[in-house]
PDB file of N, CA and C in Angstrom:
ATOM      1  N   UNK A   1       1.407  26.894 -17.339  1.00  0.00           N
ATOM      2  CA  UNK A   1       1.319  25.622 -16.653  1.00  0.00           C
ATOM      3  C   UNK A   1       0.316  25.735 -15.515  1.00  0.00           C
ATOM      4  N   UNK A   2      -0.569  24.792 -15.428  1.00  0.00           N
ATOM      5  CA  UNK A   2      -1.567  24.825 -14.369  1.00  0.00           C
ATOM      6  C   UNK A   2      -1.425  23.587 -13.503  1.00  0.00           C
ATOM      7  N   UNK A   3      -1.732  23.753 -12.250  1.00  0.00           N
ATOM      8  CA  UNK A   3      -1.732  22.623 -11.327  1.00  0.00           C
ATOM      9  C   UNK A   3      -3.073  22.584 -10.623  1.00  0.00           C
ATOM     10  N   UNK A   4      -3.485  21.404 -10.261  1.00  0.00           N
ATOM     11  CA  UNK A   4      -4.751  21.236  -9.564  1.00  0.00           C
ATOM     12  C   UNK A   4      -4.479  20.739  -8.160  1.00  0.00           C
ATOM     13  N   UNK A   5      -5.181  21.282  -7.216  1.00  0.00           N
ATOM     14  CA  UNK A   5      -5.078  20.800  -5.841  1.00  0.00           C
ATOM     15  C   UNK A   5      -6.074  19.666  -5.640  1.00  0.00           C
ATOM     16  N   UNK A   6      -5.674  18.712  -4.849  1.00  0.00           N
ATOM     17  CA  UNK A   6      -6.570  17.601  -4.553  1.00  0.00           C
ATOM     18  C   UNK A   6      -7.676  18.081  -3.611  1.00  0.00           C
ATOM     19  N   UNK A   7      -8.870  17.642  -3.882  1.00  0.00           N
ATOM     20  CA  UNK A   7      -9.993  18.034  -3.033  1.00  0.00           C
ATOM     21  C   UNK A   7      -9.918  17.282  -1.702  1.00  0.00           C
ATOM     22  N   UNK A   8     -10.673  17.768  -0.738  1.00  0.00           N
ATOM     23  CA  UNK A   8     -10.704  17.119   0.579  1.00  0.00           C
ATOM     24  C   UNK A   8     -11.157  15.669   0.454  1.00  0.00           C
ATOM     25  N   UNK A   9     -12.139  15.438  -0.402  1.00  0.00           N
ATOM     26  CA  UNK A   9     -12.663  14.087  -0.566  1.00  0.00           C
ATOM     27  C   UNK A   9     -11.604  13.157  -1.164  1.00  0.00           C
ATOM     28  N   UNK A  10     -10.813  13.650  -2.099  1.00  0.00           N
ATOM     29  CA  UNK A  10      -9.744  12.857  -2.704  1.00  0.00           C
ATOM     30  C   UNK A  10      -8.685  12.503  -1.672  1.00  0.00           C
ATOM     31  N   UNK A  11      -8.309  13.474  -0.858  1.00  0.00           N
ATOM     32  CA  UNK A  11      -7.304  13.243   0.177  1.00  0.00           C
ATOM     33  C   UNK A  11      -7.808  12.230   1.200  1.00  0.00           C
ATOM     34  N   UNK A  12      -9.043  12.364   1.612  1.00  0.00           N
ATOM     35  CA  UNK A  12      -9.622  11.432   2.587  1.00  0.00           C
ATOM     36  C   UNK A  12      -9.746  10.024   2.001  1.00  0.00           C
ATOM     37  N   UNK A  13     -10.107   9.925   0.723  1.00  0.00           N
ATOM     38  CA  UNK A  13     -10.206   8.614   0.081  1.00  0.00           C
ATOM     39  C   UNK A  13      -8.835   7.950   0.010  1.00  0.00           C
ATOM     40  N   UNK A  14      -7.814   8.730  -0.274  1.00  0.00           N
ATOM     41  CA  UNK A  14      -6.447   8.203  -0.323  1.00  0.00           C
ATOM     42  C   UNK A  14      -6.009   7.685   1.042  1.00  0.00           C
ATOM     43  N   UNK A  15      -6.287   8.434   2.090  1.00  0.00           N
ATOM     44  CA  UNK A  15      -5.951   7.996   3.458  1.00  0.00           C
ATOM     45  C   UNK A  15      -6.674   6.703   3.816  1.00  0.00           C
ATOM     46  N   UNK A  16      -7.943   6.648   3.465  1.00  0.00           N
ATOM     47  CA  UNK A  16      -8.752   5.469   3.770  1.00  0.00           C
ATOM     48  C   UNK A  16      -8.205   4.235   3.044  1.00  0.00           C
ATOM     49  N   UNK A  17      -7.838   4.396   1.789  1.00  0.00           N
ATOM     50  CA  UNK A  17      -7.302   3.283   1.007  1.00  0.00           C
ATOM     51  C   UNK A  17      -5.971   2.808   1.576  1.00  0.00           C
ATOM     52  N   UNK A  18      -5.087   3.753   1.929  1.00  0.00           N
ATOM     53  CA  UNK A  18      -3.797   3.383   2.523  1.00  0.00           C
ATOM     54  C   UNK A  18      -3.982   2.619   3.827  1.00  0.00           C
ATOM     55  N   UNK A  19      -4.932   3.060   4.642  1.00  0.00           N
ATOM     56  CA  UNK A  19      -5.206   2.396   5.918  1.00  0.00           C
ATOM     57  C   UNK A  19      -5.711   0.970   5.687  1.00  0.00           C
ATOM     58  N   UNK A  20      -6.613   0.806   4.721  1.00  0.00           N
ATOM     59  CA  UNK A  20      -7.164  -0.517   4.431  1.00  0.00           C
ATOM     60  C   UNK A  20      -6.077  -1.475   3.942  1.00  0.00           C
ATOM     61  N   UNK A  21      -5.189  -0.983   3.080  1.00  0.00           N
ATOM     62  CA  UNK A  21      -4.107  -1.822   2.559  1.00  0.00           C
ATOM     63  C   UNK A  21      -3.160  -2.211   3.688  1.00  0.00           C
ATOM     64  N   UNK A  22      -2.815  -1.256   4.542  1.00  0.00           N
ATOM     65  CA  UNK A  22      -1.915  -1.531   5.654  1.00  0.00           C
ATOM     66  C   UNK A  22      -2.510  -2.589   6.595  1.00  0.00           C
ATOM     67  N   UNK A  23      -3.806  -2.486   6.878  1.00  0.00           N
ATOM     68  CA  UNK A  23      -4.468  -3.466   7.744  1.00  0.00           C
ATOM     69  C   UNK A  23      -4.440  -4.859   7.112  1.00  0.00           C
ATOM     70  N   UNK A  24      -4.665  -4.929   5.808  1.00  0.00           N
ATOM     71  CA  UNK A  24      -4.640  -6.219   5.120  1.00  0.00           C
ATOM     72  C   UNK A  24      -3.230  -6.805   5.127  1.00  0.00           C
ATOM     73  N   UNK A  25      -2.221  -5.972   4.945  1.00  0.00           N
ATOM     74  CA  UNK A  25      -0.845  -6.454   5.017  1.00  0.00           C
ATOM     75  C   UNK A  25      -0.524  -7.004   6.405  1.00  0.00           C
ATOM     76  N   UNK A  26      -1.030  -6.342   7.442  1.00  0.00           N
ATOM     77  CA  UNK A  26      -0.807  -6.823   8.812  1.00  0.00           C
ATOM     78  C   UNK A  26      -1.411  -8.213   8.995  1.00  0.00           C
ATOM     79  N   UNK A  27      -2.633  -8.407   8.505  1.00  0.00           N
ATOM     80  CA  UNK A  27      -3.301  -9.711   8.625  1.00  0.00           C
ATOM     81  C   UNK A  27      -2.497 -10.797   7.917  1.00  0.00           C
ATOM     82  N   UNK A  28      -2.092 -10.504   6.685  1.00  0.00           N
ATOM     83  CA  UNK A  28      -1.338 -11.493   5.917  1.00  0.00           C
ATOM     84  C   UNK A  28       0.027 -11.764   6.540  1.00  0.00           C
ATOM     85  N   UNK A  29       0.659 -10.743   7.112  1.00  0.00           N
ATOM     86  CA  UNK A  29       1.962 -10.925   7.759  1.00  0.00           C
ATOM     87  C   UNK A  29       1.842 -11.857   8.962  1.00  0.00           C
ATOM     88  N   UNK A  30       0.774 -11.720   9.719  1.00  0.00           N
ATOM     89  CA  UNK A  30       0.561 -12.592  10.880  1.00  0.00           C
ATOM     90  C   UNK A  30       0.363 -14.048  10.465  1.00  0.00           C
ATOM     91  N   UNK A  31      -0.216 -14.247   9.286  1.00  0.00           N
ATOM     92  CA  UNK A  31      -0.463 -15.594   8.786  1.00  0.00           C
ATOM     93  C   UNK A  31       0.709 -16.153   7.977  1.00  0.00           C
ATOM     94  N   UNK A  32       1.734 -15.320   7.749  1.00  0.00           N
ATOM     95  CA  UNK A  32       2.896 -15.767   6.986  1.00  0.00           C
ATOM     96  C   UNK A  32       2.628 -15.900   5.496  1.00  0.00           C
ATOM     97  N   UNK A  33       1.697 -15.123   4.977  1.00  0.00           N
ATOM     98  CA  UNK A  33       1.314 -15.226   3.572  1.00  0.00           C
ATOM     99  C   UNK A  33       2.133 -14.286   2.691  1.00  0.00           C
ATOM    100  N   UNK A  34       2.032 -14.499   1.402  1.00  0.00           N
ATOM    101  CA  UNK A  34       2.710 -13.682   0.408  1.00  0.00           C
ATOM    102  C   UNK A  34       1.741 -12.660  -0.175  1.00  0.00           C
ATOM    103  N   UNK A  35       2.302 -11.606  -0.753  1.00  0.00           N
ATOM    104  CA  UNK A  35       1.516 -10.623  -1.504  1.00  0.00           C
ATOM    105  C   UNK A  35       2.221 -10.376  -2.835  1.00  0.00           C
ATOM    106  N   UNK A  36       1.468  -9.897  -3.796  1.00  0.00           N
ATOM    107  CA  UNK A  36       2.014  -9.565  -5.105  1.00  0.00           C
ATOM    108  C   UNK A  36       2.093  -8.042  -5.191  1.00  0.00           C
ATOM    109  N   UNK A  37       3.288  -7.541  -5.496  1.00  0.00           N
ATOM    110  CA  UNK A  37       3.480  -6.105  -5.645  1.00  0.00           C
ATOM    111  C   UNK A  37       4.109  -5.819  -7.004  1.00  0.00           C
ATOM    112  N   UNK A  38       4.111  -4.558  -7.374  1.00  0.00           N
ATOM    113  CA  UNK A  38       4.703  -4.136  -8.637  1.00  0.00           C
ATOM    114  C   UNK A  38       6.087  -3.558  -8.364  1.00  0.00           C
ATOM    115  N   UNK A  39       7.107  -4.155  -8.948  1.00  0.00           N
ATOM    116  CA  UNK A  39       8.480  -3.654  -8.830  1.00  0.00           C
ATOM    117  C   UNK A  39       9.052  -3.473 -10.222  1.00  0.00           C
ATOM    118  N   UNK A  40       9.396  -2.237 -10.544  1.00  0.00           N
ATOM    119  CA  UNK A  40       9.973  -1.921 -11.849  1.00  0.00           C
ATOM    120  C   UNK A  40       9.107  -2.420 -13.011  1.00  0.00           C
ATOM    121  N   UNK A  41       7.804  -2.317 -12.843  1.00  0.00           N
ATOM    122  CA  UNK A  41       6.890  -2.707 -13.909  1.00  0.00           C
ATOM    123  C   UNK A  41       6.609  -4.193 -14.000  1.00  0.00           C
ATOM    124  N   UNK A  42       7.116  -4.974 -13.060  1.00  0.00           N
ATOM    125  CA  UNK A  42       6.897  -6.421 -13.069  1.00  0.00           C
ATOM    126  C   UNK A  42       6.257  -6.871 -11.762  1.00  0.00           C
ATOM    127  N   UNK A  43       5.404  -7.886 -11.857  1.00  0.00           N
ATOM    128  CA  UNK A  43       4.783  -8.452 -10.669  1.00  0.00           C
ATOM    129  C   UNK A  43       5.828  -9.242  -9.890  1.00  0.00           C
ATOM    130  N   UNK A  44       5.807  -9.067  -8.576  1.00  0.00           N
ATOM    131  CA  UNK A  44       6.805  -9.703  -7.721  1.00  0.00           C
ATOM    132  C   UNK A  44       6.107 -10.244  -6.478  1.00  0.00           C
ATOM    133  N   UNK A  45       6.377 -11.493  -6.131  1.00  0.00           N
ATOM    134  CA  UNK A  45       5.787 -12.108  -4.945  1.00  0.00           C
ATOM    135  C   UNK A  45       6.771 -11.989  -3.788  1.00  0.00           C
ATOM    136  N   UNK A  46       6.330 -11.342  -2.700  1.00  0.00           N
ATOM    137  CA  UNK A  46       7.160 -11.213  -1.509  1.00  0.00           C
ATOM    138  C   UNK A  46       6.312 -11.522  -0.284  1.00  0.00           C
ATOM    139  N   UNK A  47       6.980 -11.794   0.827  1.00  0.00           N
ATOM    140  CA  UNK A  47       6.255 -12.014   2.074  1.00  0.00           C
ATOM    141  C   UNK A  47       5.550 -10.731   2.491  1.00  0.00           C
ATOM    142  N   UNK A  48       4.372 -10.878   3.063  1.00  0.00           N
ATOM    143  CA  UNK A  48       3.607  -9.715   3.506  1.00  0.00           C
ATOM    144  C   UNK A  48       4.386  -8.942   4.563  1.00  0.00           C
ATOM    145  N   UNK A  49       5.179  -9.624   5.353  1.00  0.00           N
ATOM    146  CA  UNK A  49       5.989  -8.965   6.379  1.00  0.00           C
ATOM    147  C   UNK A  49       6.966  -7.980   5.738  1.00  0.00           C
ATOM    148  N   UNK A  50       7.564  -8.368   4.617  1.00  0.00           N
ATOM    149  CA  UNK A  50       8.486  -7.471   3.901  1.00  0.00           C
ATOM    150  C   UNK A  50       7.729  -6.305   3.288  1.00  0.00           C
ATOM    151  N   UNK A  51       6.551  -6.570   2.725  1.00  0.00           N
ATOM    152  CA  UNK A  51       5.738  -5.524   2.111  1.00  0.00           C
ATOM    153  C   UNK A  51       5.291  -4.516   3.166  1.00  0.00           C
ATOM    154  N   UNK A  52       5.015  -4.984   4.359  1.00  0.00           N
ATOM    155  CA  UNK A  52       4.616  -4.096   5.445  1.00  0.00           C
ATOM    156  C   UNK A  52       5.763  -3.171   5.826  1.00  0.00           C
ATOM    157  N   UNK A  53       6.978  -3.694   5.828  1.00  0.00           N
ATOM    158  CA  UNK A  53       8.149  -2.848   6.117  1.00  0.00           C
ATOM    159  C   UNK A  53       8.301  -1.768   5.042  1.00  0.00           C
ATOM    160  N   UNK A  54       8.084  -2.140   3.788  1.00  0.00           N
ATOM    161  CA  UNK A  54       8.174  -1.181   2.687  1.00  0.00           C
ATOM    162  C   UNK A  54       7.097  -0.108   2.844  1.00  0.00           C
ATOM    163  N   UNK A  55       5.889  -0.518   3.201  1.00  0.00           N
ATOM    164  CA  UNK A  55       4.773   0.425   3.342  1.00  0.00           C
ATOM    165  C   UNK A  55       5.023   1.394   4.504  1.00  0.00           C
ATOM    166  N   UNK A  56       5.685   0.955   5.529  1.00  0.00           N
ATOM    167  CA  UNK A  56       5.958   1.827   6.677  1.00  0.00           C
ATOM    168  C   UNK A  56       6.951   2.921   6.339  1.00  0.00           C
ATOM    169  N   UNK A  57       7.850   2.657   5.410  1.00  0.00           N
ATOM    170  CA  UNK A  57       8.863   3.646   5.054  1.00  0.00           C
ATOM    171  C   UNK A  57       8.311   4.742   4.160  1.00  0.00           C
ATOM    172  N   UNK A  58       7.160   4.522   3.568  1.00  0.00           N
ATOM    173  CA  UNK A  58       6.576   5.519   2.662  1.00  0.00           C
ATOM    174  C   UNK A  58       5.544   6.359   3.350  1.00  0.00           C
TER     175      UNK A  58
END
């Protein structure tokens, strides 16, 4: 069994993407907008404020 370590560039890209998503959720939460997320393989519409709470726990 072999495992691969993520490269520095992959890790940095992941951090950058998470930061961008979090910032967008903050903007939408301030405006009271909804976002579409994936829950159990199905698209689900929730308030951005709720999605931001979920993102903070991860």
